[in-house]
């Protein structure tokens, strides 16, 4: 069985959303373009952007399967988790990993998720 690959909001370097085989893959989300400086604020912005991208393809955070979170400073782990846990749908916590990484810009404190997988809205 062949599944069509659908790419959304693409440019020469990447697609913001890719759909394939009932899964949705999002590119890494950051708070770039904002003046947000605190980890809690940046995390909230990143999660807001993820919600918006999922809505574009008829899905939502309750279908989250897996997430990788990159932190500029691992000391921000507790602050990240405070925002993350409030955002994750009740009973729908994903398999997740958080690691420290050098991000593309020193003012970015978080990139999340780099290659998350979400079930599409029509698959339950």
N, C-alpha and C. Protein backbone atom coordinates (compact mmCIF):
# COMPACT_ATOMS: atom_id res chain seq x y z
N UNK A 1 0.84 -1.18 0.00
CA UNK A 1 0.00 0.00 0.00
C UNK A 1 0.89 1.24 0.00
N UNK A 2 0.62 2.16 -0.91
CA UNK A 2 1.41 3.37 -1.04
C UNK A 2 0.67 4.54 -0.39
N UNK A 3 1.37 5.31 0.41
CA UNK A 3 0.81 6.49 1.04
C UNK A 3 1.41 7.73 0.38
N UNK A 4 0.57 8.69 0.12
CA UNK A 4 1.03 9.95 -0.44
C UNK A 4 1.68 10.79 0.65
N UNK A 5 2.75 11.44 0.30
CA UNK A 5 3.40 12.39 1.21
C UNK A 5 2.88 13.78 0.86
N UNK A 6 2.35 14.46 1.86
CA UNK A 6 1.86 15.83 1.67
C UNK A 6 2.76 16.78 2.46
N UNK A 7 3.22 17.82 1.79
CA UNK A 7 4.09 18.81 2.43
C UNK A 7 3.36 20.15 2.44
N UNK A 8 3.41 20.82 3.58
CA UNK A 8 2.71 22.09 3.76
C UNK A 8 3.70 23.16 4.21
N UNK A 9 3.47 24.38 3.71
CA UNK A 9 4.29 25.53 4.09
C UNK A 9 5.77 25.23 3.89
N UNK A 10 6.08 24.86 2.65
CA UNK A 10 7.43 24.44 2.29
C UNK A 10 8.22 25.57 1.63
N UNK A 11 9.54 25.48 1.77
CA UNK A 11 10.46 26.32 1.01
C UNK A 11 11.59 25.42 0.52
N UNK A 12 12.65 25.99 0.01
CA UNK A 12 13.75 25.18 -0.54
C UNK A 12 14.44 24.34 0.52
N UNK A 13 14.39 24.76 1.79
CA UNK A 13 15.11 24.08 2.86
C UNK A 13 14.27 23.08 3.63
N UNK A 14 12.99 23.38 3.84
CA UNK A 14 12.19 22.50 4.71
C UNK A 14 10.70 22.75 4.53
N UNK A 15 9.92 21.83 5.09
CA UNK A 15 8.47 21.98 5.18
C UNK A 15 8.12 22.15 6.64
N UNK A 16 7.18 23.02 6.94
CA UNK A 16 6.75 23.18 8.34
C UNK A 16 5.94 21.97 8.79
N UNK A 17 5.19 21.36 7.85
CA UNK A 17 4.35 20.21 8.17
C UNK A 17 4.50 19.18 7.05
N UNK A 18 4.66 17.91 7.44
CA UNK A 18 4.66 16.81 6.48
C UNK A 18 3.68 15.76 7.00
N UNK A 19 2.81 15.30 6.11
CA UNK A 19 1.86 14.24 6.47
C UNK A 19 2.18 13.00 5.65
N UNK A 20 2.15 11.84 6.33
CA UNK A 20 2.42 10.58 5.64
C UNK A 20 1.93 9.43 6.51
N UNK A 21 1.22 8.52 5.91
CA UNK A 21 0.80 7.30 6.59
C UNK A 21 0.02 7.56 7.87
N UNK A 22 -0.81 8.58 7.90
CA UNK A 22 -1.61 8.87 9.08
C UNK A 22 -0.86 9.61 10.17
N UNK A 23 0.37 10.01 9.92
CA UNK A 23 1.16 10.76 10.89
C UNK A 23 1.42 12.17 10.37
N UNK A 24 1.62 13.08 11.31
CA UNK A 24 1.97 14.46 10.99
C UNK A 24 3.32 14.74 11.64
N UNK A 25 4.26 15.24 10.86
CA UNK A 25 5.58 15.60 11.35
C UNK A 25 5.72 17.11 11.26
N UNK A 26 6.15 17.74 12.34
CA UNK A 26 6.36 19.18 12.37
C UNK A 26 7.84 19.49 12.43
N UNK A 27 8.23 20.58 11.77
CA UNK A 27 9.61 21.03 11.90
C UNK A 27 9.79 21.60 13.31
N UNK A 28 11.03 21.79 13.70
CA UNK A 28 11.31 22.35 15.02
C UNK A 28 10.69 23.72 15.18
N UNK A 29 10.05 23.96 16.31
CA UNK A 29 9.42 25.25 16.59
C UNK A 29 10.22 25.99 17.66
N UNK A 30 10.42 27.28 17.43
CA UNK A 30 11.11 28.15 18.39
C UNK A 30 10.28 29.41 18.57
N UNK A 31 10.76 30.29 19.39
CA UNK A 31 10.08 31.58 19.58
C UNK A 31 10.72 32.67 18.72
N UNK A 32 11.42 32.28 17.65
CA UNK A 32 12.10 33.26 16.80
C UNK A 32 11.10 34.31 16.31
N UNK A 33 11.59 35.53 16.17
CA UNK A 33 10.74 36.61 15.74
C UNK A 33 10.03 37.32 16.88
N UNK A 34 10.28 36.88 18.12
CA UNK A 34 9.70 37.52 19.30
C UNK A 34 10.83 38.07 20.16
N UNK A 35 10.46 38.88 21.14
CA UNK A 35 11.45 39.41 22.09
C UNK A 35 11.41 38.64 23.41
N UNK A 36 10.76 37.50 23.43
CA UNK A 36 10.62 36.73 24.66
C UNK A 36 11.98 36.25 25.15
N UNK A 37 12.25 36.44 26.45
CA UNK A 37 13.58 36.11 26.98
C UNK A 37 13.55 35.04 28.05
N UNK A 38 12.39 34.73 28.62
CA UNK A 38 12.31 33.73 29.69
C UNK A 38 11.87 32.39 29.13
N UNK A 39 12.36 31.30 29.72
CA UNK A 39 12.05 29.96 29.23
C UNK A 39 10.55 29.67 29.25
N UNK A 40 9.85 30.09 30.29
CA UNK A 40 8.42 29.85 30.36
C UNK A 40 7.67 30.53 29.23
N UNK A 41 8.05 31.78 28.95
CA UNK A 41 7.42 32.53 27.87
C UNK A 41 7.75 31.93 26.50
N UNK A 42 9.01 31.56 26.30
CA UNK A 42 9.39 30.94 25.03
C UNK A 42 8.69 29.60 24.84
N UNK A 43 8.59 28.81 25.91
CA UNK A 43 7.91 27.51 25.82
C UNK A 43 6.45 27.71 25.45
N UNK A 44 5.78 28.66 26.08
CA UNK A 44 4.37 28.93 25.76
C UNK A 44 4.21 29.32 24.30
N UNK A 45 5.11 30.13 23.78
CA UNK A 45 5.05 30.54 22.37
C UNK A 45 5.27 29.36 21.44
N UNK A 46 6.24 28.52 21.75
CA UNK A 46 6.51 27.33 20.95
C UNK A 46 5.27 26.44 20.90
N UNK A 47 4.65 26.21 22.04
CA UNK A 47 3.48 25.33 22.10
C UNK A 47 2.28 25.96 21.38
N UNK A 48 2.16 27.28 21.44
CA UNK A 48 1.11 27.98 20.70
C UNK A 48 1.31 27.75 19.20
N UNK A 49 2.53 27.81 18.75
CA UNK A 49 2.83 27.60 17.33
C UNK A 49 2.55 26.16 16.90
N UNK A 50 2.86 25.21 17.77
CA UNK A 50 2.55 23.81 17.48
C UNK A 50 1.04 23.63 17.35
N UNK A 51 0.27 24.19 18.27
CA UNK A 51 -1.19 24.12 18.19
C UNK A 51 -1.69 24.67 16.86
N UNK A 52 -1.15 25.81 16.43
CA UNK A 52 -1.59 26.44 15.18
C UNK A 52 -1.28 25.55 13.97
N UNK A 53 -0.08 24.97 13.93
CA UNK A 53 0.28 24.09 12.82
C UNK A 53 -0.61 22.86 12.78
N UNK A 54 -0.86 22.27 13.93
CA UNK A 54 -1.73 21.09 13.97
C UNK A 54 -3.14 21.42 13.50
N UNK A 55 -3.64 22.57 13.91
CA UNK A 55 -4.98 22.99 13.49
C UNK A 55 -5.07 23.12 11.97
N UNK A 56 -3.98 23.55 11.33
CA UNK A 56 -3.97 23.69 9.88
C UNK A 56 -4.27 22.39 9.16
N UNK A 57 -3.91 21.27 9.79
CA UNK A 57 -4.13 19.96 9.15
C UNK A 57 -5.16 19.12 9.89
N UNK A 58 -6.00 19.78 10.70
CA UNK A 58 -7.12 19.10 11.33
C UNK A 58 -6.76 18.19 12.49
N UNK A 59 -5.69 18.49 13.19
CA UNK A 59 -5.30 17.68 14.35
C UNK A 59 -5.14 18.58 15.57
N UNK A 60 -4.73 17.99 16.68
CA UNK A 60 -4.52 18.75 17.91
C UNK A 60 -3.57 17.98 18.83
N UNK A 61 -3.21 18.61 19.94
CA UNK A 61 -2.22 18.06 20.86
C UNK A 61 -2.65 16.75 21.51
N UNK A 62 -3.92 16.42 21.52
CA UNK A 62 -4.36 15.16 22.13
C UNK A 62 -3.90 13.95 21.34
N UNK A 63 -3.40 14.16 20.13
CA UNK A 63 -2.88 13.07 19.29
C UNK A 63 -1.36 12.97 19.31
N UNK A 64 -0.73 13.68 20.23
CA UNK A 64 0.72 13.67 20.33
C UNK A 64 1.22 12.27 20.69
N UNK A 65 2.14 11.76 19.87
CA UNK A 65 2.73 10.44 20.12
C UNK A 65 4.12 10.54 20.73
N UNK A 66 4.93 11.46 20.21
CA UNK A 66 6.33 11.54 20.61
C UNK A 66 6.84 12.96 20.43
N UNK A 67 7.76 13.37 21.29
CA UNK A 67 8.33 14.71 21.19
C UNK A 67 9.77 14.69 21.67
N UNK A 68 10.58 15.49 21.00
CA UNK A 68 11.95 15.73 21.44
C UNK A 68 12.06 17.22 21.72
N UNK A 69 12.54 17.57 22.90
CA UNK A 69 12.67 18.97 23.29
C UNK A 69 14.16 19.27 23.45
N UNK A 70 14.60 20.35 22.82
CA UNK A 70 15.98 20.79 22.93
C UNK A 70 16.03 22.06 23.76
N UNK A 71 16.81 22.03 24.83
CA UNK A 71 17.00 23.19 25.70
C UNK A 71 18.40 23.74 25.54
N UNK A 72 18.52 25.04 25.49
CA UNK A 72 19.82 25.69 25.46
C UNK A 72 20.56 25.43 26.77
N UNK A 73 19.81 25.47 27.88
CA UNK A 73 20.39 25.24 29.22
C UNK A 73 19.53 24.21 29.95
N UNK A 74 20.11 23.10 30.33
CA UNK A 74 19.36 22.04 30.98
C UNK A 74 18.81 22.51 32.33
N UNK A 75 19.38 23.57 32.87
CA UNK A 75 18.86 24.13 34.13
C UNK A 75 17.43 24.64 33.97
N UNK A 76 16.96 24.82 32.74
CA UNK A 76 15.59 25.27 32.48
C UNK A 76 14.59 24.13 32.46
N UNK A 77 15.03 22.90 32.75
CA UNK A 77 14.18 21.71 32.65
C UNK A 77 12.91 21.83 33.50
N UNK A 78 13.02 22.25 34.75
CA UNK A 78 11.83 22.35 35.62
C UNK A 78 10.86 23.40 35.11
N UNK A 79 11.37 24.55 34.67
CA UNK A 79 10.50 25.61 34.14
C UNK A 79 9.81 25.15 32.86
N UNK A 80 10.53 24.45 32.00
CA UNK A 80 9.93 23.87 30.79
C UNK A 80 8.80 22.94 31.18
N UNK A 81 9.06 22.03 32.10
CA UNK A 81 8.06 21.04 32.48
C UNK A 81 6.81 21.67 33.07
N UNK A 82 6.94 22.77 33.79
CA UNK A 82 5.76 23.43 34.36
C UNK A 82 4.80 23.87 33.25
N UNK A 83 5.34 24.42 32.17
CA UNK A 83 4.50 24.86 31.05
C UNK A 83 4.03 23.66 30.23
N UNK A 84 4.94 22.73 29.96
CA UNK A 84 4.64 21.54 29.15
C UNK A 84 3.51 20.73 29.79
N UNK A 85 3.60 20.46 31.08
CA UNK A 85 2.59 19.63 31.75
C UNK A 85 1.21 20.28 31.74
N UNK A 86 1.16 21.60 31.80
CA UNK A 86 -0.13 22.29 31.72
C UNK A 86 -0.70 22.24 30.31
N UNK A 87 0.16 22.11 29.31
CA UNK A 87 -0.26 22.10 27.90
C UNK A 87 -0.70 20.73 27.42
N UNK A 88 -0.02 19.67 27.84
CA UNK A 88 -0.32 18.32 27.35
C UNK A 88 -1.74 17.93 27.77
N UNK A 89 -2.49 17.38 26.83
CA UNK A 89 -3.86 16.97 27.11
C UNK A 89 -3.88 15.87 28.16
N UNK A 90 -4.84 15.95 29.08
CA UNK A 90 -4.98 14.98 30.16
C UNK A 90 -5.09 13.56 29.60
N UNK A 91 -4.24 12.67 30.09
CA UNK A 91 -4.25 11.28 29.65
C UNK A 91 -3.58 11.05 28.31
N UNK A 92 -2.95 12.08 27.74
CA UNK A 92 -2.34 11.97 26.41
C UNK A 92 -0.86 12.31 26.41
N UNK A 93 -0.17 12.07 27.51
CA UNK A 93 1.26 12.40 27.58
C UNK A 93 2.03 11.56 26.56
N UNK A 94 2.89 12.20 25.78
CA UNK A 94 3.66 11.48 24.76
C UNK A 94 4.91 10.83 25.33
N UNK A 95 5.50 9.96 24.54
CA UNK A 95 6.86 9.53 24.81
C UNK A 95 7.72 10.75 24.49
N UNK A 96 8.59 11.15 25.42
CA UNK A 96 9.35 12.37 25.15
C UNK A 96 10.76 12.28 25.70
N UNK A 97 11.61 13.12 25.13
CA UNK A 97 13.00 13.24 25.54
C UNK A 97 13.36 14.71 25.55
N UNK A 98 14.11 15.13 26.56
CA UNK A 98 14.62 16.50 26.62
C UNK A 98 16.13 16.43 26.74
N UNK A 99 16.80 17.19 25.88
CA UNK A 99 18.26 17.22 25.90
C UNK A 99 18.76 18.66 25.82
N UNK A 100 19.98 18.86 26.27
CA UNK A 100 20.61 20.17 26.13
C UNK A 100 21.30 20.21 24.76
N UNK A 101 21.16 21.36 24.09
CA UNK A 101 21.77 21.50 22.77
C UNK A 101 22.10 22.96 22.49
N UNK A 102 23.11 23.18 21.67
CA UNK A 102 23.38 24.52 21.16
C UNK A 102 22.36 24.80 20.07
N UNK A 103 21.53 25.81 20.27
CA UNK A 103 20.50 26.14 19.30
C UNK A 103 21.03 27.15 18.29
N UNK A 104 20.27 27.41 17.25
CA UNK A 104 20.72 28.24 16.13
C UNK A 104 21.04 29.67 16.53
N UNK A 105 20.44 30.16 17.61
CA UNK A 105 20.67 31.53 18.07
C UNK A 105 20.81 31.50 19.59
N UNK A 106 21.68 32.32 20.13
CA UNK A 106 21.90 32.32 21.58
C UNK A 106 20.69 32.82 22.37
N UNK A 107 19.80 33.58 21.74
CA UNK A 107 18.62 34.06 22.47
C UNK A 107 17.50 33.02 22.49
N UNK A 108 17.63 31.94 21.73
CA UNK A 108 16.62 30.87 21.77
C UNK A 108 16.96 29.92 22.91
N UNK A 109 15.99 29.68 23.76
CA UNK A 109 16.19 28.80 24.92
C UNK A 109 15.61 27.41 24.70
N UNK A 110 14.71 27.27 23.71
CA UNK A 110 14.03 25.99 23.49
C UNK A 110 13.70 25.81 22.01
N UNK A 111 13.80 24.57 21.55
CA UNK A 111 13.28 24.18 20.25
C UNK A 111 12.49 22.91 20.48
N UNK A 112 11.26 22.91 20.05
CA UNK A 112 10.37 21.81 20.42
C UNK A 112 9.24 21.69 19.43
N UNK A 113 8.82 20.59 19.09
CA UNK A 113 9.62 19.37 18.97
C UNK A 113 10.31 19.37 17.62
N UNK A 114 11.47 18.82 17.51
CA UNK A 114 12.17 18.84 16.25
C UNK A 114 11.53 17.90 15.25
N UNK A 115 11.25 16.69 15.66
CA UNK A 115 10.55 15.74 14.78
C UNK A 115 9.41 15.07 15.56
N UNK A 116 8.44 15.85 15.99
CA UNK A 116 7.33 15.23 16.71
C UNK A 116 6.46 14.44 15.76
N UNK A 117 5.77 13.49 16.27
CA UNK A 117 4.84 12.72 15.47
C UNK A 117 3.46 12.85 16.11
N UNK A 118 2.49 13.20 15.29
CA UNK A 118 1.12 13.34 15.75
C UNK A 118 0.23 12.50 14.85
N UNK A 119 -0.70 11.78 15.45
CA UNK A 119 -1.68 11.10 14.64
C UNK A 119 -2.55 12.15 13.98
N UNK A 120 -2.94 11.89 12.76
CA UNK A 120 -3.83 12.80 12.06
C UNK A 120 -5.20 12.81 12.70
N UNK A 121 -5.94 13.87 12.47
CA UNK A 121 -7.26 14.04 13.07
C UNK A 121 -8.24 12.94 12.74
N UNK A 122 -8.07 12.27 11.60
CA UNK A 122 -9.05 11.26 11.20
C UNK A 122 -8.69 9.86 11.67
N UNK A 123 -7.55 9.68 12.29
CA UNK A 123 -7.13 8.35 12.76
C UNK A 123 -7.15 8.34 14.28
N UNK A 124 -7.85 7.42 14.88
CA UNK A 124 -7.94 7.34 16.34
C UNK A 124 -7.54 5.98 16.84
